[in-house]
Amino acid sequence: SNGDNDNSTTYNNGTMIFKKDGTGILTIVDGSDTETMPFNYTNTQDKLIVTHDNESQTYDMEWSKNKMTLTWRTSWMDFINNEQVDVKYTTVIKLEKK
């Protein structure tokens, strides 16, 4: 068995504000719950490194004038029904400047 594939997509569930000083604010809206998280960031031409609570995530970054796509991939080994499986997790964030 290769495990189950689980995919989900949410739209318009938050904002990311990037300030010129390398700080930002992520706001996630899930139903009636809103979570706001400050973060720090640095970037290169094709990578965005976001740090929150001393933990960093490096996103592959594609951008054009007013649009940005961030992709973060990770994987780990897990056991499902006593069988070892490779779990792959991908987050894609699509942003548009407003």
C-alpha atoms as a PDB file:
ATOM      1  CA  SER A   1       0.000   0.000   0.000  1.00  0.00           C
ATOM      2  CA  ASN A   2       1.233   3.492  -0.718  1.00  0.00           C
ATOM      3  CA  GLY A   3      -1.031   5.265   1.777  1.00  0.00           C
ATOM      4  CA  ASP A   4      -3.872   7.611   1.018  1.00  0.00           C
ATOM      5  CA  ASN A   5      -3.538  10.834  -0.913  1.00  0.00           C
ATOM      6  CA  ASP A   6      -5.132  13.744   0.887  1.00  0.00           C
ATOM      7  CA  ASN A   7      -5.500  17.045  -0.930  1.00  0.00           C
ATOM      8  CA  SER A   8      -7.253  20.214   0.132  1.00  0.00           C
ATOM      9  CA  THR A   9      -7.510  23.714  -1.279  1.00  0.00           C
ATOM     10  CA  THR A  10      -8.695  26.859   0.432  1.00  0.00           C
ATOM     11  CA  TYR A  11      -9.224  30.215  -1.237  1.00  0.00           C
ATOM     12  CA  ASN A  12      -9.121  33.774   0.103  1.00  0.00           C
ATOM     13  CA  ASN A  13      -8.456  32.638   3.651  1.00  0.00           C
ATOM     14  CA  GLY A  14      -5.913  35.221   4.677  1.00  0.00           C
ATOM     15  CA  THR A  15      -3.395  37.918   3.936  1.00  0.00           C
ATOM     16  CA  MET A  16       0.360  38.364   4.120  1.00  0.00           C
ATOM     17  CA  ILE A  17       1.672  41.887   4.556  1.00  0.00           C
ATOM     18  CA  PHE A  18       5.366  42.411   3.758  1.00  0.00           C
ATOM     19  CA  LYS A  19       7.003  45.554   5.111  1.00  0.00           C
ATOM     20  CA  LYS A  20      10.209  46.987   3.658  1.00  0.00           C
ATOM     21  CA  ASP A  21      12.029  46.506   7.004  1.00  0.00           C
ATOM     22  CA  GLY A  22      11.927  42.673   6.694  1.00  0.00           C
ATOM     23  CA  THR A  23       8.921  42.140   8.946  1.00  0.00           C
ATOM     24  CA  GLY A  24       5.414  41.111   8.092  1.00  0.00           C
ATOM     25  CA  ILE A  25       2.042  39.964   9.362  1.00  0.00           C
ATOM     26  CA  LEU A  26       0.210  36.791   8.361  1.00  0.00           C
ATOM     27  CA  THR A  27      -3.532  36.728   9.004  1.00  0.00           C
ATOM     28  CA  ILE A  28      -5.427  33.462   8.536  1.00  0.00           C
ATOM     29  CA  VAL A  29      -9.225  33.365   8.583  1.00  0.00           C
ATOM     30  CA  ASP A  30     -10.891  29.984   9.143  1.00  0.00           C
ATOM     31  CA  GLY A  31     -14.638  30.391   9.464  1.00  0.00           C
ATOM     32  CA  SER A  32     -15.188  32.661  12.448  1.00  0.00           C
ATOM     33  CA  ASP A  33     -11.620  32.200  13.766  1.00  0.00           C
ATOM     34  CA  THR A  34      -8.873  34.671  12.875  1.00  0.00           C
ATOM     35  CA  GLU A  35      -5.218  34.109  13.713  1.00  0.00           C
ATOM     36  CA  THR A  36      -2.577  36.828  13.307  1.00  0.00           C
ATOM     37  CA  MET A  37       1.125  36.001  13.332  1.00  0.00           C
ATOM     38  CA  PRO A  38       4.021  38.452  13.011  1.00  0.00           C
ATOM     39  CA  PHE A  39       7.035  37.178  11.064  1.00  0.00           C
ATOM     40  CA  ASN A  40      10.439  38.221   9.774  1.00  0.00           C
ATOM     41  CA  TYR A  41      11.596  37.496   6.245  1.00  0.00           C
ATOM     42  CA  THR A  42      14.552  37.595   3.902  1.00  0.00           C
ATOM     43  CA  ASN A  43      14.573  36.736   0.238  1.00  0.00           C
ATOM     44  CA  THR A  44      16.677  36.021  -2.793  1.00  0.00           C
ATOM     45  CA  GLN A  45      15.513  36.073  -6.410  1.00  0.00           C
ATOM     46  CA  ASP A  46      13.750  32.698  -6.052  1.00  0.00           C
ATOM     47  CA  LYS A  47      13.556  31.919  -2.294  1.00  0.00           C
ATOM     48  CA  LEU A  48      11.613  33.452   0.600  1.00  0.00           C
ATOM     49  CA  ILE A  49      12.669  32.582   4.151  1.00  0.00           C
ATOM     50  CA  VAL A  50       9.940  33.265   6.718  1.00  0.00           C
ATOM     51  CA  THR A  51      10.770  33.130  10.449  1.00  0.00           C
ATOM     52  CA  HIS A  52       8.104  32.958  13.167  1.00  0.00           C
ATOM     53  CA  ASP A  53       8.778  32.006  16.814  1.00  0.00           C
ATOM     54  CA  ASN A  54      12.427  31.194  15.955  1.00  0.00           C
ATOM     55  CA  GLU A  55      11.382  28.616  13.344  1.00  0.00           C
ATOM     56  CA  SER A  56      12.088  29.208   9.660  1.00  0.00           C
ATOM     57  CA  GLN A  57      10.507  27.886   6.502  1.00  0.00           C
ATOM     58  CA  THR A  58      12.112  28.343   3.097  1.00  0.00           C
ATOM     59  CA  TYR A  59       9.683  28.744   0.222  1.00  0.00           C
ATOM     60  CA  ASP A  60      10.459  28.468  -3.475  1.00  0.00           C
ATOM     61  CA  MET A  61       9.255  31.801  -4.864  1.00  0.00           C
ATOM     62  CA  GLU A  62       7.976  32.728  -8.298  1.00  0.00           C
ATOM     63  CA  TRP A  63       6.903  36.309  -8.771  1.00  0.00           C
ATOM     64  CA  SER A  64       5.875  38.829 -11.344  1.00  0.00           C
ATOM     65  CA  LYS A  65       4.775  42.454 -11.001  1.00  0.00           C
ATOM     66  CA  ASN A  66       1.774  42.002  -8.662  1.00  0.00           C
ATOM     67  CA  LYS A  67       1.634  38.226  -8.110  1.00  0.00           C
ATOM     68  CA  MET A  68       3.676  35.760  -6.081  1.00  0.00           C
ATOM     69  CA  THR A  69       3.528  31.981  -5.697  1.00  0.00           C
ATOM     70  CA  LEU A  70       5.255  30.419  -2.678  1.00  0.00           C
ATOM     71  CA  THR A  71       5.831  26.655  -2.468  1.00  0.00           C
ATOM     72  CA  TRP A  72       7.064  24.743   0.578  1.00  0.00           C
ATOM     73  CA  ARG A  73       7.710  21.001   0.473  1.00  0.00           C
ATOM     74  CA  THR A  74       8.579  18.606   3.273  1.00  0.00           C
ATOM     75  CA  SER A  75       8.485  14.855   3.792  1.00  0.00           C
ATOM     76  CA  TRP A  76       8.882  12.357   6.599  1.00  0.00           C
ATOM     77  CA  MET A  77       8.510   8.662   7.310  1.00  0.00           C
ATOM     78  CA  ASP A  78       5.384   7.498   9.136  1.00  0.00           C
ATOM     79  CA  PHE A  79       3.568   4.268   9.874  1.00  0.00           C
ATOM     80  CA  ILE A  80       0.049   3.693   8.519  1.00  0.00           C
ATOM     81  CA  ASN A  81      -1.580   0.341   9.316  1.00  0.00           C
ATOM     82  CA  ASN A  82       1.806  -0.930  10.583  1.00  0.00           C
ATOM     83  CA  GLU A  83       3.394  -0.134   7.221  1.00  0.00           C
ATOM     84  CA  GLN A  84       6.157   2.414   6.796  1.00  0.00           C
ATOM     85  CA  VAL A  85       5.239   5.106   4.274  1.00  0.00           C
ATOM     86  CA  ASP A  86       6.934   8.241   2.964  1.00  0.00           C
ATOM     87  CA  VAL A  87       4.617  11.176   3.675  1.00  0.00           C
ATOM     88  CA  LYS A  88       5.014  14.182   1.383  1.00  0.00           C
ATOM     89  CA  TYR A  89       3.468  17.527   2.248  1.00  0.00           C
ATOM     90  CA  THR A  90       3.325  20.534  -0.053  1.00  0.00           C
ATOM     91  CA  THR A  91       1.970  23.991   0.722  1.00  0.00           C
ATOM     92  CA  VAL A  92       1.346  26.420  -2.145  1.00  0.00           C
ATOM     93  CA  ILE A  93       0.432  30.030  -1.345  1.00  0.00           C
ATOM     94  CA  LYS A  94      -0.711  32.292  -4.167  1.00  0.00           C
ATOM     95  CA  LEU A  95      -0.646  36.018  -3.416  1.00  0.00           C
ATOM     96  CA  GLU A  96      -1.839  39.051  -5.349  1.00  0.00           C
ATOM     97  CA  LYS A  97      -1.006  42.641  -4.490  1.00  0.00           C
ATOM     98  CA  LYS A  98      -4.062  44.691  -3.585  1.00  0.00           C
END
